Amino acid sequence: MRIFSTIFILLFFLLVTDSSYSQQWRRDRHHVILGLGGSGFMGDLGGADDYDKYRIQDLDFQAVKPSVMLGYRYFIFENLSARGNLIYTQVVGDDKYTDEPYRNNRNIHFRSPIAEFSVQGEYYFFQAERTGAIYRRITRSRGWVGYNISAYAFAGIGGFYFNPQAKFNSEDYNGTIPDEDLPPDGWYDLRPLRTEGQGYYPTREVYSKYEISVPLGIGALFKINDEFSVGIEYGFRKTWTNYIDDVGSTYVDPAIYHEMWPDDPQRIALAEHFSNPSKNNKPHNVTAPGQQRGGSYFNDSYMFTFITAYYRIPTISPSRSTPRF
């Protein structure tokens, strides 16, 4: 009888814990998220030491830049949440980082801010176990571990802003504008310079600085206590633009810039230089007008890895005037 009584009492307390936990996620729905980490870019510039390598094979680890994320998470169901993110970073690419001879000879570089807003759904395929005091004592006494770890996958939709730039150095200029009319050294926006003849050729439209992205990724969380969690998250962004790095098609004849802006020598000089800053150390005229400047088979993409911190926003019960923790 003592054994049955013990089992009954144990089951009673577990059921009470279950009932309490079944409602706990409703009280823990709201979370603020801060993420700090790094960004990576995969496009036409820099990257692998073999030509025509794409996706993760082409990730340039030398070009990783810091990034920051602010987010809000709301649990719709116990294992499904919706989340909004604001992310800012800078992505870069530089042909000097690759030993692939044709890319290195091309000698193009860029930097661009990325400001992204996205919404995503998160599915928790492994969740932190119940955290009631009785459950904690039972699991710890039996040596069970991992009850405060969660793992999730996510997908969503977002929009982002980008604006590629490159640095002009007059010592490297080899165009048609005399030295006295050259622009000062420094960083310049590339989109207005039409480096691949956008707006001049009817088949090449000027690209937008605002584009759509699809976030996809995976993450894990460690629950410190009822208010705070920390974790790590990796997210990949599929995009529909090939011009985050301002490279995506073929070289153009620099003479077109004299037709486009006959009274603007500084703009002509910048366009001439950035459209083809190659080292000219390859045979067969590989950077002549019509030759391949960038790959048009794959769009550009970028990614983030974040160390995350979550804070649960306390909810106030209608029957109580103090926050419920």
Protein backbone atom coordinates (compact mmCIF):
# COMPACT_ATOMS: atom_id res chain seq x y z
CA MET A 1 0.00 0.00 0.00
CA ARG A 2 2.85 2.34 0.76
CA ILE A 3 4.20 1.85 -2.79
CA PHE A 4 0.78 2.60 -4.31
CA SER A 5 0.40 5.65 -2.10
CA THR A 6 3.82 6.91 -3.17
CA ILE A 7 3.00 6.35 -6.85
CA PHE A 8 -0.36 8.10 -6.46
CA ILE A 9 1.21 11.13 -4.76
CA LEU A 10 3.95 11.28 -7.41
CA LEU A 11 1.43 11.09 -10.27
CA PHE A 12 -0.73 13.74 -8.59
CA PHE A 13 2.16 16.20 -8.37
CA LEU A 14 3.27 15.44 -11.94
CA LEU A 15 -0.26 16.09 -13.20
CA VAL A 16 -0.37 19.34 -11.30
CA THR A 17 2.98 20.27 -12.81
CA ASP A 18 1.74 19.29 -16.27
CA SER A 19 -1.37 21.42 -15.85
CA SER A 20 0.70 24.36 -14.70
CA TYR A 21 3.18 23.91 -17.54
CA SER A 22 0.45 23.56 -20.14
CA GLN A 23 -0.53 27.15 -19.39
CA GLN A 24 2.98 28.46 -18.77
CA TRP A 25 3.84 28.95 -22.44
CA ARG A 26 0.80 31.25 -22.72
CA ARG A 27 2.30 33.47 -20.02
CA ASP A 28 5.74 33.29 -21.64
CA ARG A 29 4.69 34.38 -25.12
CA HIS A 30 6.51 37.68 -25.43
CA HIS A 31 10.29 37.97 -25.79
CA VAL A 32 12.74 40.68 -26.79
CA ILE A 33 15.85 39.50 -28.63
CA LEU A 34 19.30 41.01 -29.06
CA GLY A 35 21.81 39.41 -31.39
CA LEU A 36 25.48 40.18 -32.04
CA GLY A 37 27.48 38.34 -34.64
CA GLY A 38 28.98 38.35 -38.09
CA SER A 39 27.82 38.49 -41.69
CA GLY A 40 29.07 36.74 -44.80
CA PHE A 41 28.52 37.51 -48.47
CA MET A 42 28.41 35.21 -51.48
CA GLY A 43 28.45 36.91 -54.84
CA ASP A 44 30.80 37.55 -57.74
CA LEU A 45 33.71 39.17 -55.94
CA GLY A 46 36.51 37.54 -53.99
CA GLY A 47 35.72 34.10 -52.69
CA ALA A 48 37.08 30.74 -53.69
CA ASP A 49 40.41 30.11 -55.41
CA ASP A 50 38.66 28.12 -58.15
CA TYR A 51 36.50 29.79 -60.75
CA ASP A 52 32.72 29.22 -60.83
CA LYS A 53 32.45 28.06 -57.22
CA TYR A 54 29.14 29.10 -55.71
CA ARG A 55 27.21 29.09 -52.46
CA ILE A 56 28.96 27.92 -49.29
CA GLN A 57 32.06 26.94 -51.31
CA ASP A 58 32.49 30.59 -52.24
CA LEU A 59 32.17 32.10 -48.77
CA ASP A 60 34.99 34.56 -48.15
CA PHE A 61 35.88 34.27 -44.47
CA GLN A 62 38.30 37.20 -44.77
CA ALA A 63 35.32 39.45 -45.52
CA VAL A 64 33.20 38.62 -42.45
CA LYS A 65 31.85 41.80 -40.85
CA PRO A 66 30.09 42.51 -37.52
CA SER A 67 26.30 42.62 -37.44
CA VAL A 68 23.59 43.46 -34.92
CA MET A 69 19.99 42.29 -34.63
CA LEU A 70 16.99 43.43 -32.57
CA GLY A 71 13.93 41.21 -32.56
CA TYR A 72 10.61 40.35 -30.98
CA ARG A 73 9.20 36.82 -30.58
CA TYR A 74 5.61 35.82 -29.93
CA PHE A 75 4.54 32.22 -29.30
CA ILE A 76 1.41 31.35 -31.28
CA PHE A 77 1.41 27.77 -30.03
CA GLU A 78 3.60 25.91 -27.60
CA ASN A 79 6.15 24.93 -30.25
CA LEU A 80 5.49 27.58 -32.90
CA SER A 81 6.39 31.26 -32.73
CA ALA A 82 6.36 34.31 -34.97
CA ARG A 83 9.27 36.72 -34.93
CA GLY A 84 10.16 40.12 -36.34
CA ASN A 85 13.79 41.22 -36.87
CA LEU A 86 15.69 44.40 -37.60
CA ILE A 87 19.25 43.66 -38.74
CA TYR A 88 22.12 45.90 -39.75
CA THR A 89 25.49 44.89 -41.12
CA GLN A 90 27.97 45.63 -43.87
CA VAL A 91 28.98 43.14 -46.55
CA VAL A 92 32.18 43.36 -48.55
CA GLY A 93 33.95 41.58 -51.36
CA ASP A 94 37.36 42.06 -52.92
CA ASP A 95 39.10 40.20 -55.72
CA LYS A 96 42.42 40.69 -53.96
CA TYR A 97 41.30 38.02 -51.47
CA THR A 98 41.28 35.26 -54.08
CA ASP A 99 44.15 33.49 -55.80
CA GLU A 100 41.98 32.49 -58.75
CA PRO A 101 43.93 34.25 -61.55
CA TYR A 102 41.04 35.68 -63.57
CA ARG A 103 39.17 36.99 -60.55
CA ASN A 104 42.35 38.46 -59.11
CA ASN A 105 43.10 40.15 -62.43
CA ARG A 106 39.55 41.60 -62.51
CA ASN A 107 40.51 43.55 -59.36
CA ILE A 108 37.01 44.76 -58.40
CA HIS A 109 35.99 45.46 -54.81
CA PHE A 110 32.92 46.77 -53.00
CA ARG A 111 31.29 47.40 -49.68
CA SER A 112 27.58 47.81 -48.96
CA PRO A 113 25.38 48.32 -45.92
CA ILE A 114 22.57 45.81 -45.44
CA ALA A 115 19.55 47.00 -43.47
CA GLU A 116 16.97 44.23 -43.27
CA PHE A 117 13.49 43.87 -41.81
CA SER A 118 12.02 40.37 -41.80
CA VAL A 119 9.26 38.29 -40.29
CA GLN A 120 9.66 34.58 -39.78
CA GLY A 121 8.04 31.53 -38.29
CA GLU A 122 10.00 29.35 -35.88
CA TYR A 123 9.25 25.67 -35.29
CA TYR A 124 10.73 24.23 -32.10
CA PHE A 125 11.50 20.59 -32.86
CA PHE A 126 13.28 20.23 -29.51
CA GLN A 127 12.12 22.24 -26.53
CA ALA A 128 13.31 23.08 -23.04
CA GLU A 129 11.55 20.78 -20.64
CA ARG A 130 9.23 21.83 -17.88
CA THR A 131 10.79 24.08 -15.28
CA GLY A 132 8.53 23.56 -12.27
CA ALA A 133 10.31 23.05 -8.97
CA ILE A 134 9.06 19.46 -8.54
CA TYR A 135 10.06 18.51 -12.10
CA ARG A 136 13.52 20.03 -11.63
CA ARG A 137 14.07 18.01 -8.43
CA ILE A 138 12.99 14.80 -10.14
CA THR A 139 15.16 15.29 -13.24
CA ARG A 140 18.20 16.34 -11.27
CA SER A 141 17.87 13.47 -8.81
CA ARG A 142 17.78 11.03 -11.72
CA GLY A 143 20.64 12.69 -13.55
CA TRP A 144 18.57 13.86 -16.53
CA VAL A 145 20.17 16.69 -18.46
CA GLY A 146 19.22 18.94 -21.35
CA TYR A 147 15.86 20.06 -19.97
CA ASN A 148 16.82 23.71 -20.48
CA ILE A 149 17.91 23.46 -24.13
CA SER A 150 15.73 24.20 -27.17
CA ALA A 151 16.38 23.94 -30.91
CA TYR A 152 14.39 25.40 -33.78
CA ALA A 153 14.27 25.93 -37.53
CA PHE A 154 12.89 29.04 -39.20
CA ALA A 155 11.78 30.47 -42.53
CA GLY A 156 10.25 33.79 -43.47
CA ILE A 157 10.16 36.77 -45.78
CA GLY A 158 12.00 40.08 -45.59
CA GLY A 159 13.06 43.21 -47.35
CA PHE A 160 16.48 44.82 -47.34
CA TYR A 161 18.30 47.95 -48.43
CA PHE A 162 21.76 47.91 -50.00
CA ASN A 163 24.01 50.48 -51.66
CA PRO A 164 27.31 49.21 -53.13
CA GLN A 165 30.32 51.51 -52.97
CA ALA A 166 33.95 51.35 -54.07
CA LYS A 167 37.05 53.36 -53.22
CA PHE A 168 38.62 55.57 -55.88
CA ASN A 169 42.38 56.10 -55.88
CA SER A 170 43.57 58.50 -58.57
CA GLU A 171 46.95 56.76 -58.73
CA ASP A 172 45.22 53.68 -60.14
CA TYR A 173 43.17 55.56 -62.74
CA ASN A 174 44.00 54.80 -66.37
CA GLY A 175 41.20 56.49 -68.32
CA THR A 176 40.60 59.44 -70.61
CA ILE A 177 40.02 62.27 -68.13
CA PRO A 178 43.00 64.59 -67.40
CA ASP A 179 44.40 64.64 -63.88
CA GLU A 180 43.10 68.12 -63.07
CA ASP A 181 39.51 66.99 -63.65
CA LEU A 182 39.65 63.82 -61.59
CA PRO A 183 37.43 63.47 -58.49
CA PRO A 184 39.01 63.40 -55.04
CA ASP A 185 40.05 60.05 -53.65
CA GLY A 186 37.45 58.32 -51.49
CA TRP A 187 34.40 56.04 -51.46
CA TYR A 188 31.69 56.50 -54.09
CA ASP A 189 28.25 54.99 -54.71
CA LEU A 190 28.40 52.61 -57.68
CA ARG A 191 24.75 52.47 -58.72
CA PRO A 192 24.70 56.02 -60.23
CA LEU A 193 27.83 55.17 -62.28
CA ARG A 194 26.10 52.47 -64.36
CA THR A 195 29.22 50.29 -64.37
CA GLU A 196 27.61 47.71 -66.67
CA GLY A 197 25.80 50.18 -68.90
CA GLN A 198 22.50 50.10 -67.01
CA GLY A 199 20.16 52.66 -68.50
CA TYR A 200 22.27 52.99 -71.65
CA TYR A 201 21.50 49.57 -73.08
CA PRO A 202 17.73 48.86 -73.32
CA THR A 203 18.26 45.32 -72.02
CA ARG A 204 19.99 46.49 -68.82
CA GLU A 205 17.79 48.27 -66.34
CA VAL A 206 19.06 50.25 -63.38
CA TYR A 207 18.78 47.97 -60.36
CA SER A 208 16.84 48.90 -57.24
CA LYS A 209 18.48 49.42 -53.86
CA TYR A 210 15.48 47.73 -52.20
CA GLU A 211 14.98 43.98 -52.63
CA ILE A 212 13.23 40.95 -51.14
CA SER A 213 14.99 38.23 -49.18
CA VAL A 214 13.93 34.86 -47.79
CA PRO A 215 15.49 34.02 -44.40
CA LEU A 216 16.16 30.33 -43.74
CA GLY A 217 18.05 28.92 -40.81
CA ILE A 218 18.41 27.05 -37.57
CA GLY A 219 19.16 27.95 -33.95
CA ALA A 220 19.50 26.70 -30.40
CA LEU A 221 18.73 28.22 -26.99
CA PHE A 222 19.92 27.61 -23.46
CA LYS A 223 17.48 28.72 -20.77
CA ILE A 224 19.28 30.42 -17.90
CA ASN A 225 16.16 31.13 -15.86
CA ASP A 226 12.52 32.09 -16.39
CA GLU A 227 13.49 35.52 -17.72
CA PHE A 228 16.68 35.04 -19.71
CA SER A 229 17.97 32.69 -22.39
CA VAL A 230 21.06 32.74 -24.58
CA GLY A 231 21.67 30.98 -27.85
CA ILE A 232 23.27 30.78 -31.25
CA GLU A 233 21.59 31.15 -34.65
CA TYR A 234 22.64 30.75 -38.28
CA GLY A 235 20.54 32.28 -41.05
CA PHE A 236 20.94 32.26 -44.83
CA ARG A 237 19.27 34.88 -47.06
CA LYS A 238 18.15 34.02 -50.56
CA THR A 239 17.71 37.13 -52.72
CA TRP A 240 16.46 38.07 -56.17
CA THR A 241 19.22 40.49 -57.12
CA ASN A 242 22.65 39.94 -58.63
CA TYR A 243 23.84 43.47 -57.88
CA ILE A 244 24.54 43.68 -54.16
CA ASP A 245 28.18 43.85 -55.29
CA ASP A 246 27.36 45.88 -58.44
CA VAL A 247 28.68 43.01 -60.62
CA GLY A 248 26.52 40.66 -62.64
CA SER A 249 27.00 40.78 -66.42
CA THR A 250 29.65 41.80 -68.98
CA TYR A 251 32.16 44.60 -69.51
CA VAL A 252 31.04 47.62 -71.53
CA ASP A 253 32.81 50.07 -73.80
CA PRO A 254 33.91 53.00 -71.57
CA ALA A 255 33.16 55.40 -74.43
CA ILE A 256 29.47 55.19 -73.53
CA TYR A 257 30.08 57.31 -70.44
CA HIS A 258 31.16 60.26 -72.59
CA GLU A 259 27.80 59.97 -74.37
CA MET A 260 25.84 59.69 -71.15
CA TRP A 261 27.45 62.57 -69.23
CA PRO A 262 29.42 64.78 -71.64
CA ASP A 263 29.60 67.66 -69.17
CA ASP A 264 30.54 65.67 -66.05
CA PRO A 265 34.22 64.58 -66.27
CA GLN A 266 34.39 63.41 -62.67
CA ARG A 267 31.47 61.04 -63.11
CA ILE A 268 32.99 59.79 -66.38
CA ALA A 269 36.31 59.11 -64.63
CA LEU A 270 34.65 57.18 -61.83
CA ALA A 271 32.53 55.13 -64.23
CA GLU A 272 35.52 54.35 -66.47
CA HIS A 273 37.59 53.23 -63.52
CA PHE A 274 35.05 51.20 -61.58
CA SER A 275 33.62 49.51 -64.67
CA ASN A 276 37.02 48.00 -65.41
CA PRO A 277 39.82 48.43 -62.82
CA SER A 278 41.55 45.23 -64.00
CA LYS A 279 45.28 44.70 -63.70
CA ASN A 280 45.49 43.84 -67.41
CA ASN A 281 47.97 41.03 -66.85
CA LYS A 282 45.95 38.32 -68.64
CA PRO A 283 46.18 37.42 -72.33
CA HIS A 284 43.27 37.19 -74.77
CA ASN A 285 41.84 40.57 -73.70
CA VAL A 286 39.63 38.99 -71.02
CA THR A 287 38.25 42.34 -69.82
CA ALA A 288 37.31 43.74 -73.23
CA PRO A 289 33.74 44.98 -73.85
CA GLY A 290 31.41 42.01 -74.06
CA GLN A 291 33.64 39.73 -71.98
CA GLN A 292 32.29 38.25 -68.76
CA ARG A 293 32.52 40.59 -65.79
CA GLY A 294 30.27 38.68 -63.36
CA GLY A 295 28.21 35.53 -63.22
CA SER A 296 24.55 35.77 -64.19
CA TYR A 297 23.62 32.21 -63.21
CA PHE A 298 23.19 32.79 -59.48
CA ASN A 299 21.86 35.75 -57.52
CA ASP A 300 23.82 37.20 -54.64
CA SER A 301 23.15 35.97 -51.11
CA TYR A 302 24.25 36.79 -47.60
CA MET A 303 24.11 35.17 -44.19
CA PHE A 304 24.35 35.84 -40.48
CA THR A 305 25.60 34.00 -37.43
CA PHE A 306 24.38 35.52 -34.17
CA ILE A 307 24.96 34.99 -30.50
CA THR A 308 21.49 35.77 -29.12
CA ALA A 309 20.07 36.91 -25.79
CA TYR A 310 16.33 36.59 -25.02
CA TYR A 311 14.40 38.42 -22.35
CA ARG A 312 10.88 37.32 -21.47
CA ILE A 313 8.53 40.27 -21.13
CA PRO A 314 6.45 39.75 -17.96
CA THR A 315 2.70 39.47 -18.48
CA ILE A 316 0.11 40.85 -16.07
CA SER A 317 -2.74 38.59 -15.07
CA PRO A 318 -6.18 40.28 -15.21
CA SER A 319 -6.85 39.14 -11.64
CA ARG A 320 -3.58 40.48 -10.33
CA SER A 321 -1.97 43.89 -10.26
CA THR A 322 1.60 42.57 -10.17
CA PRO A 323 3.52 40.99 -13.06
CA ARG A 324 3.44 37.20 -13.32
CA PHE A 325 6.98 35.76 -13.54
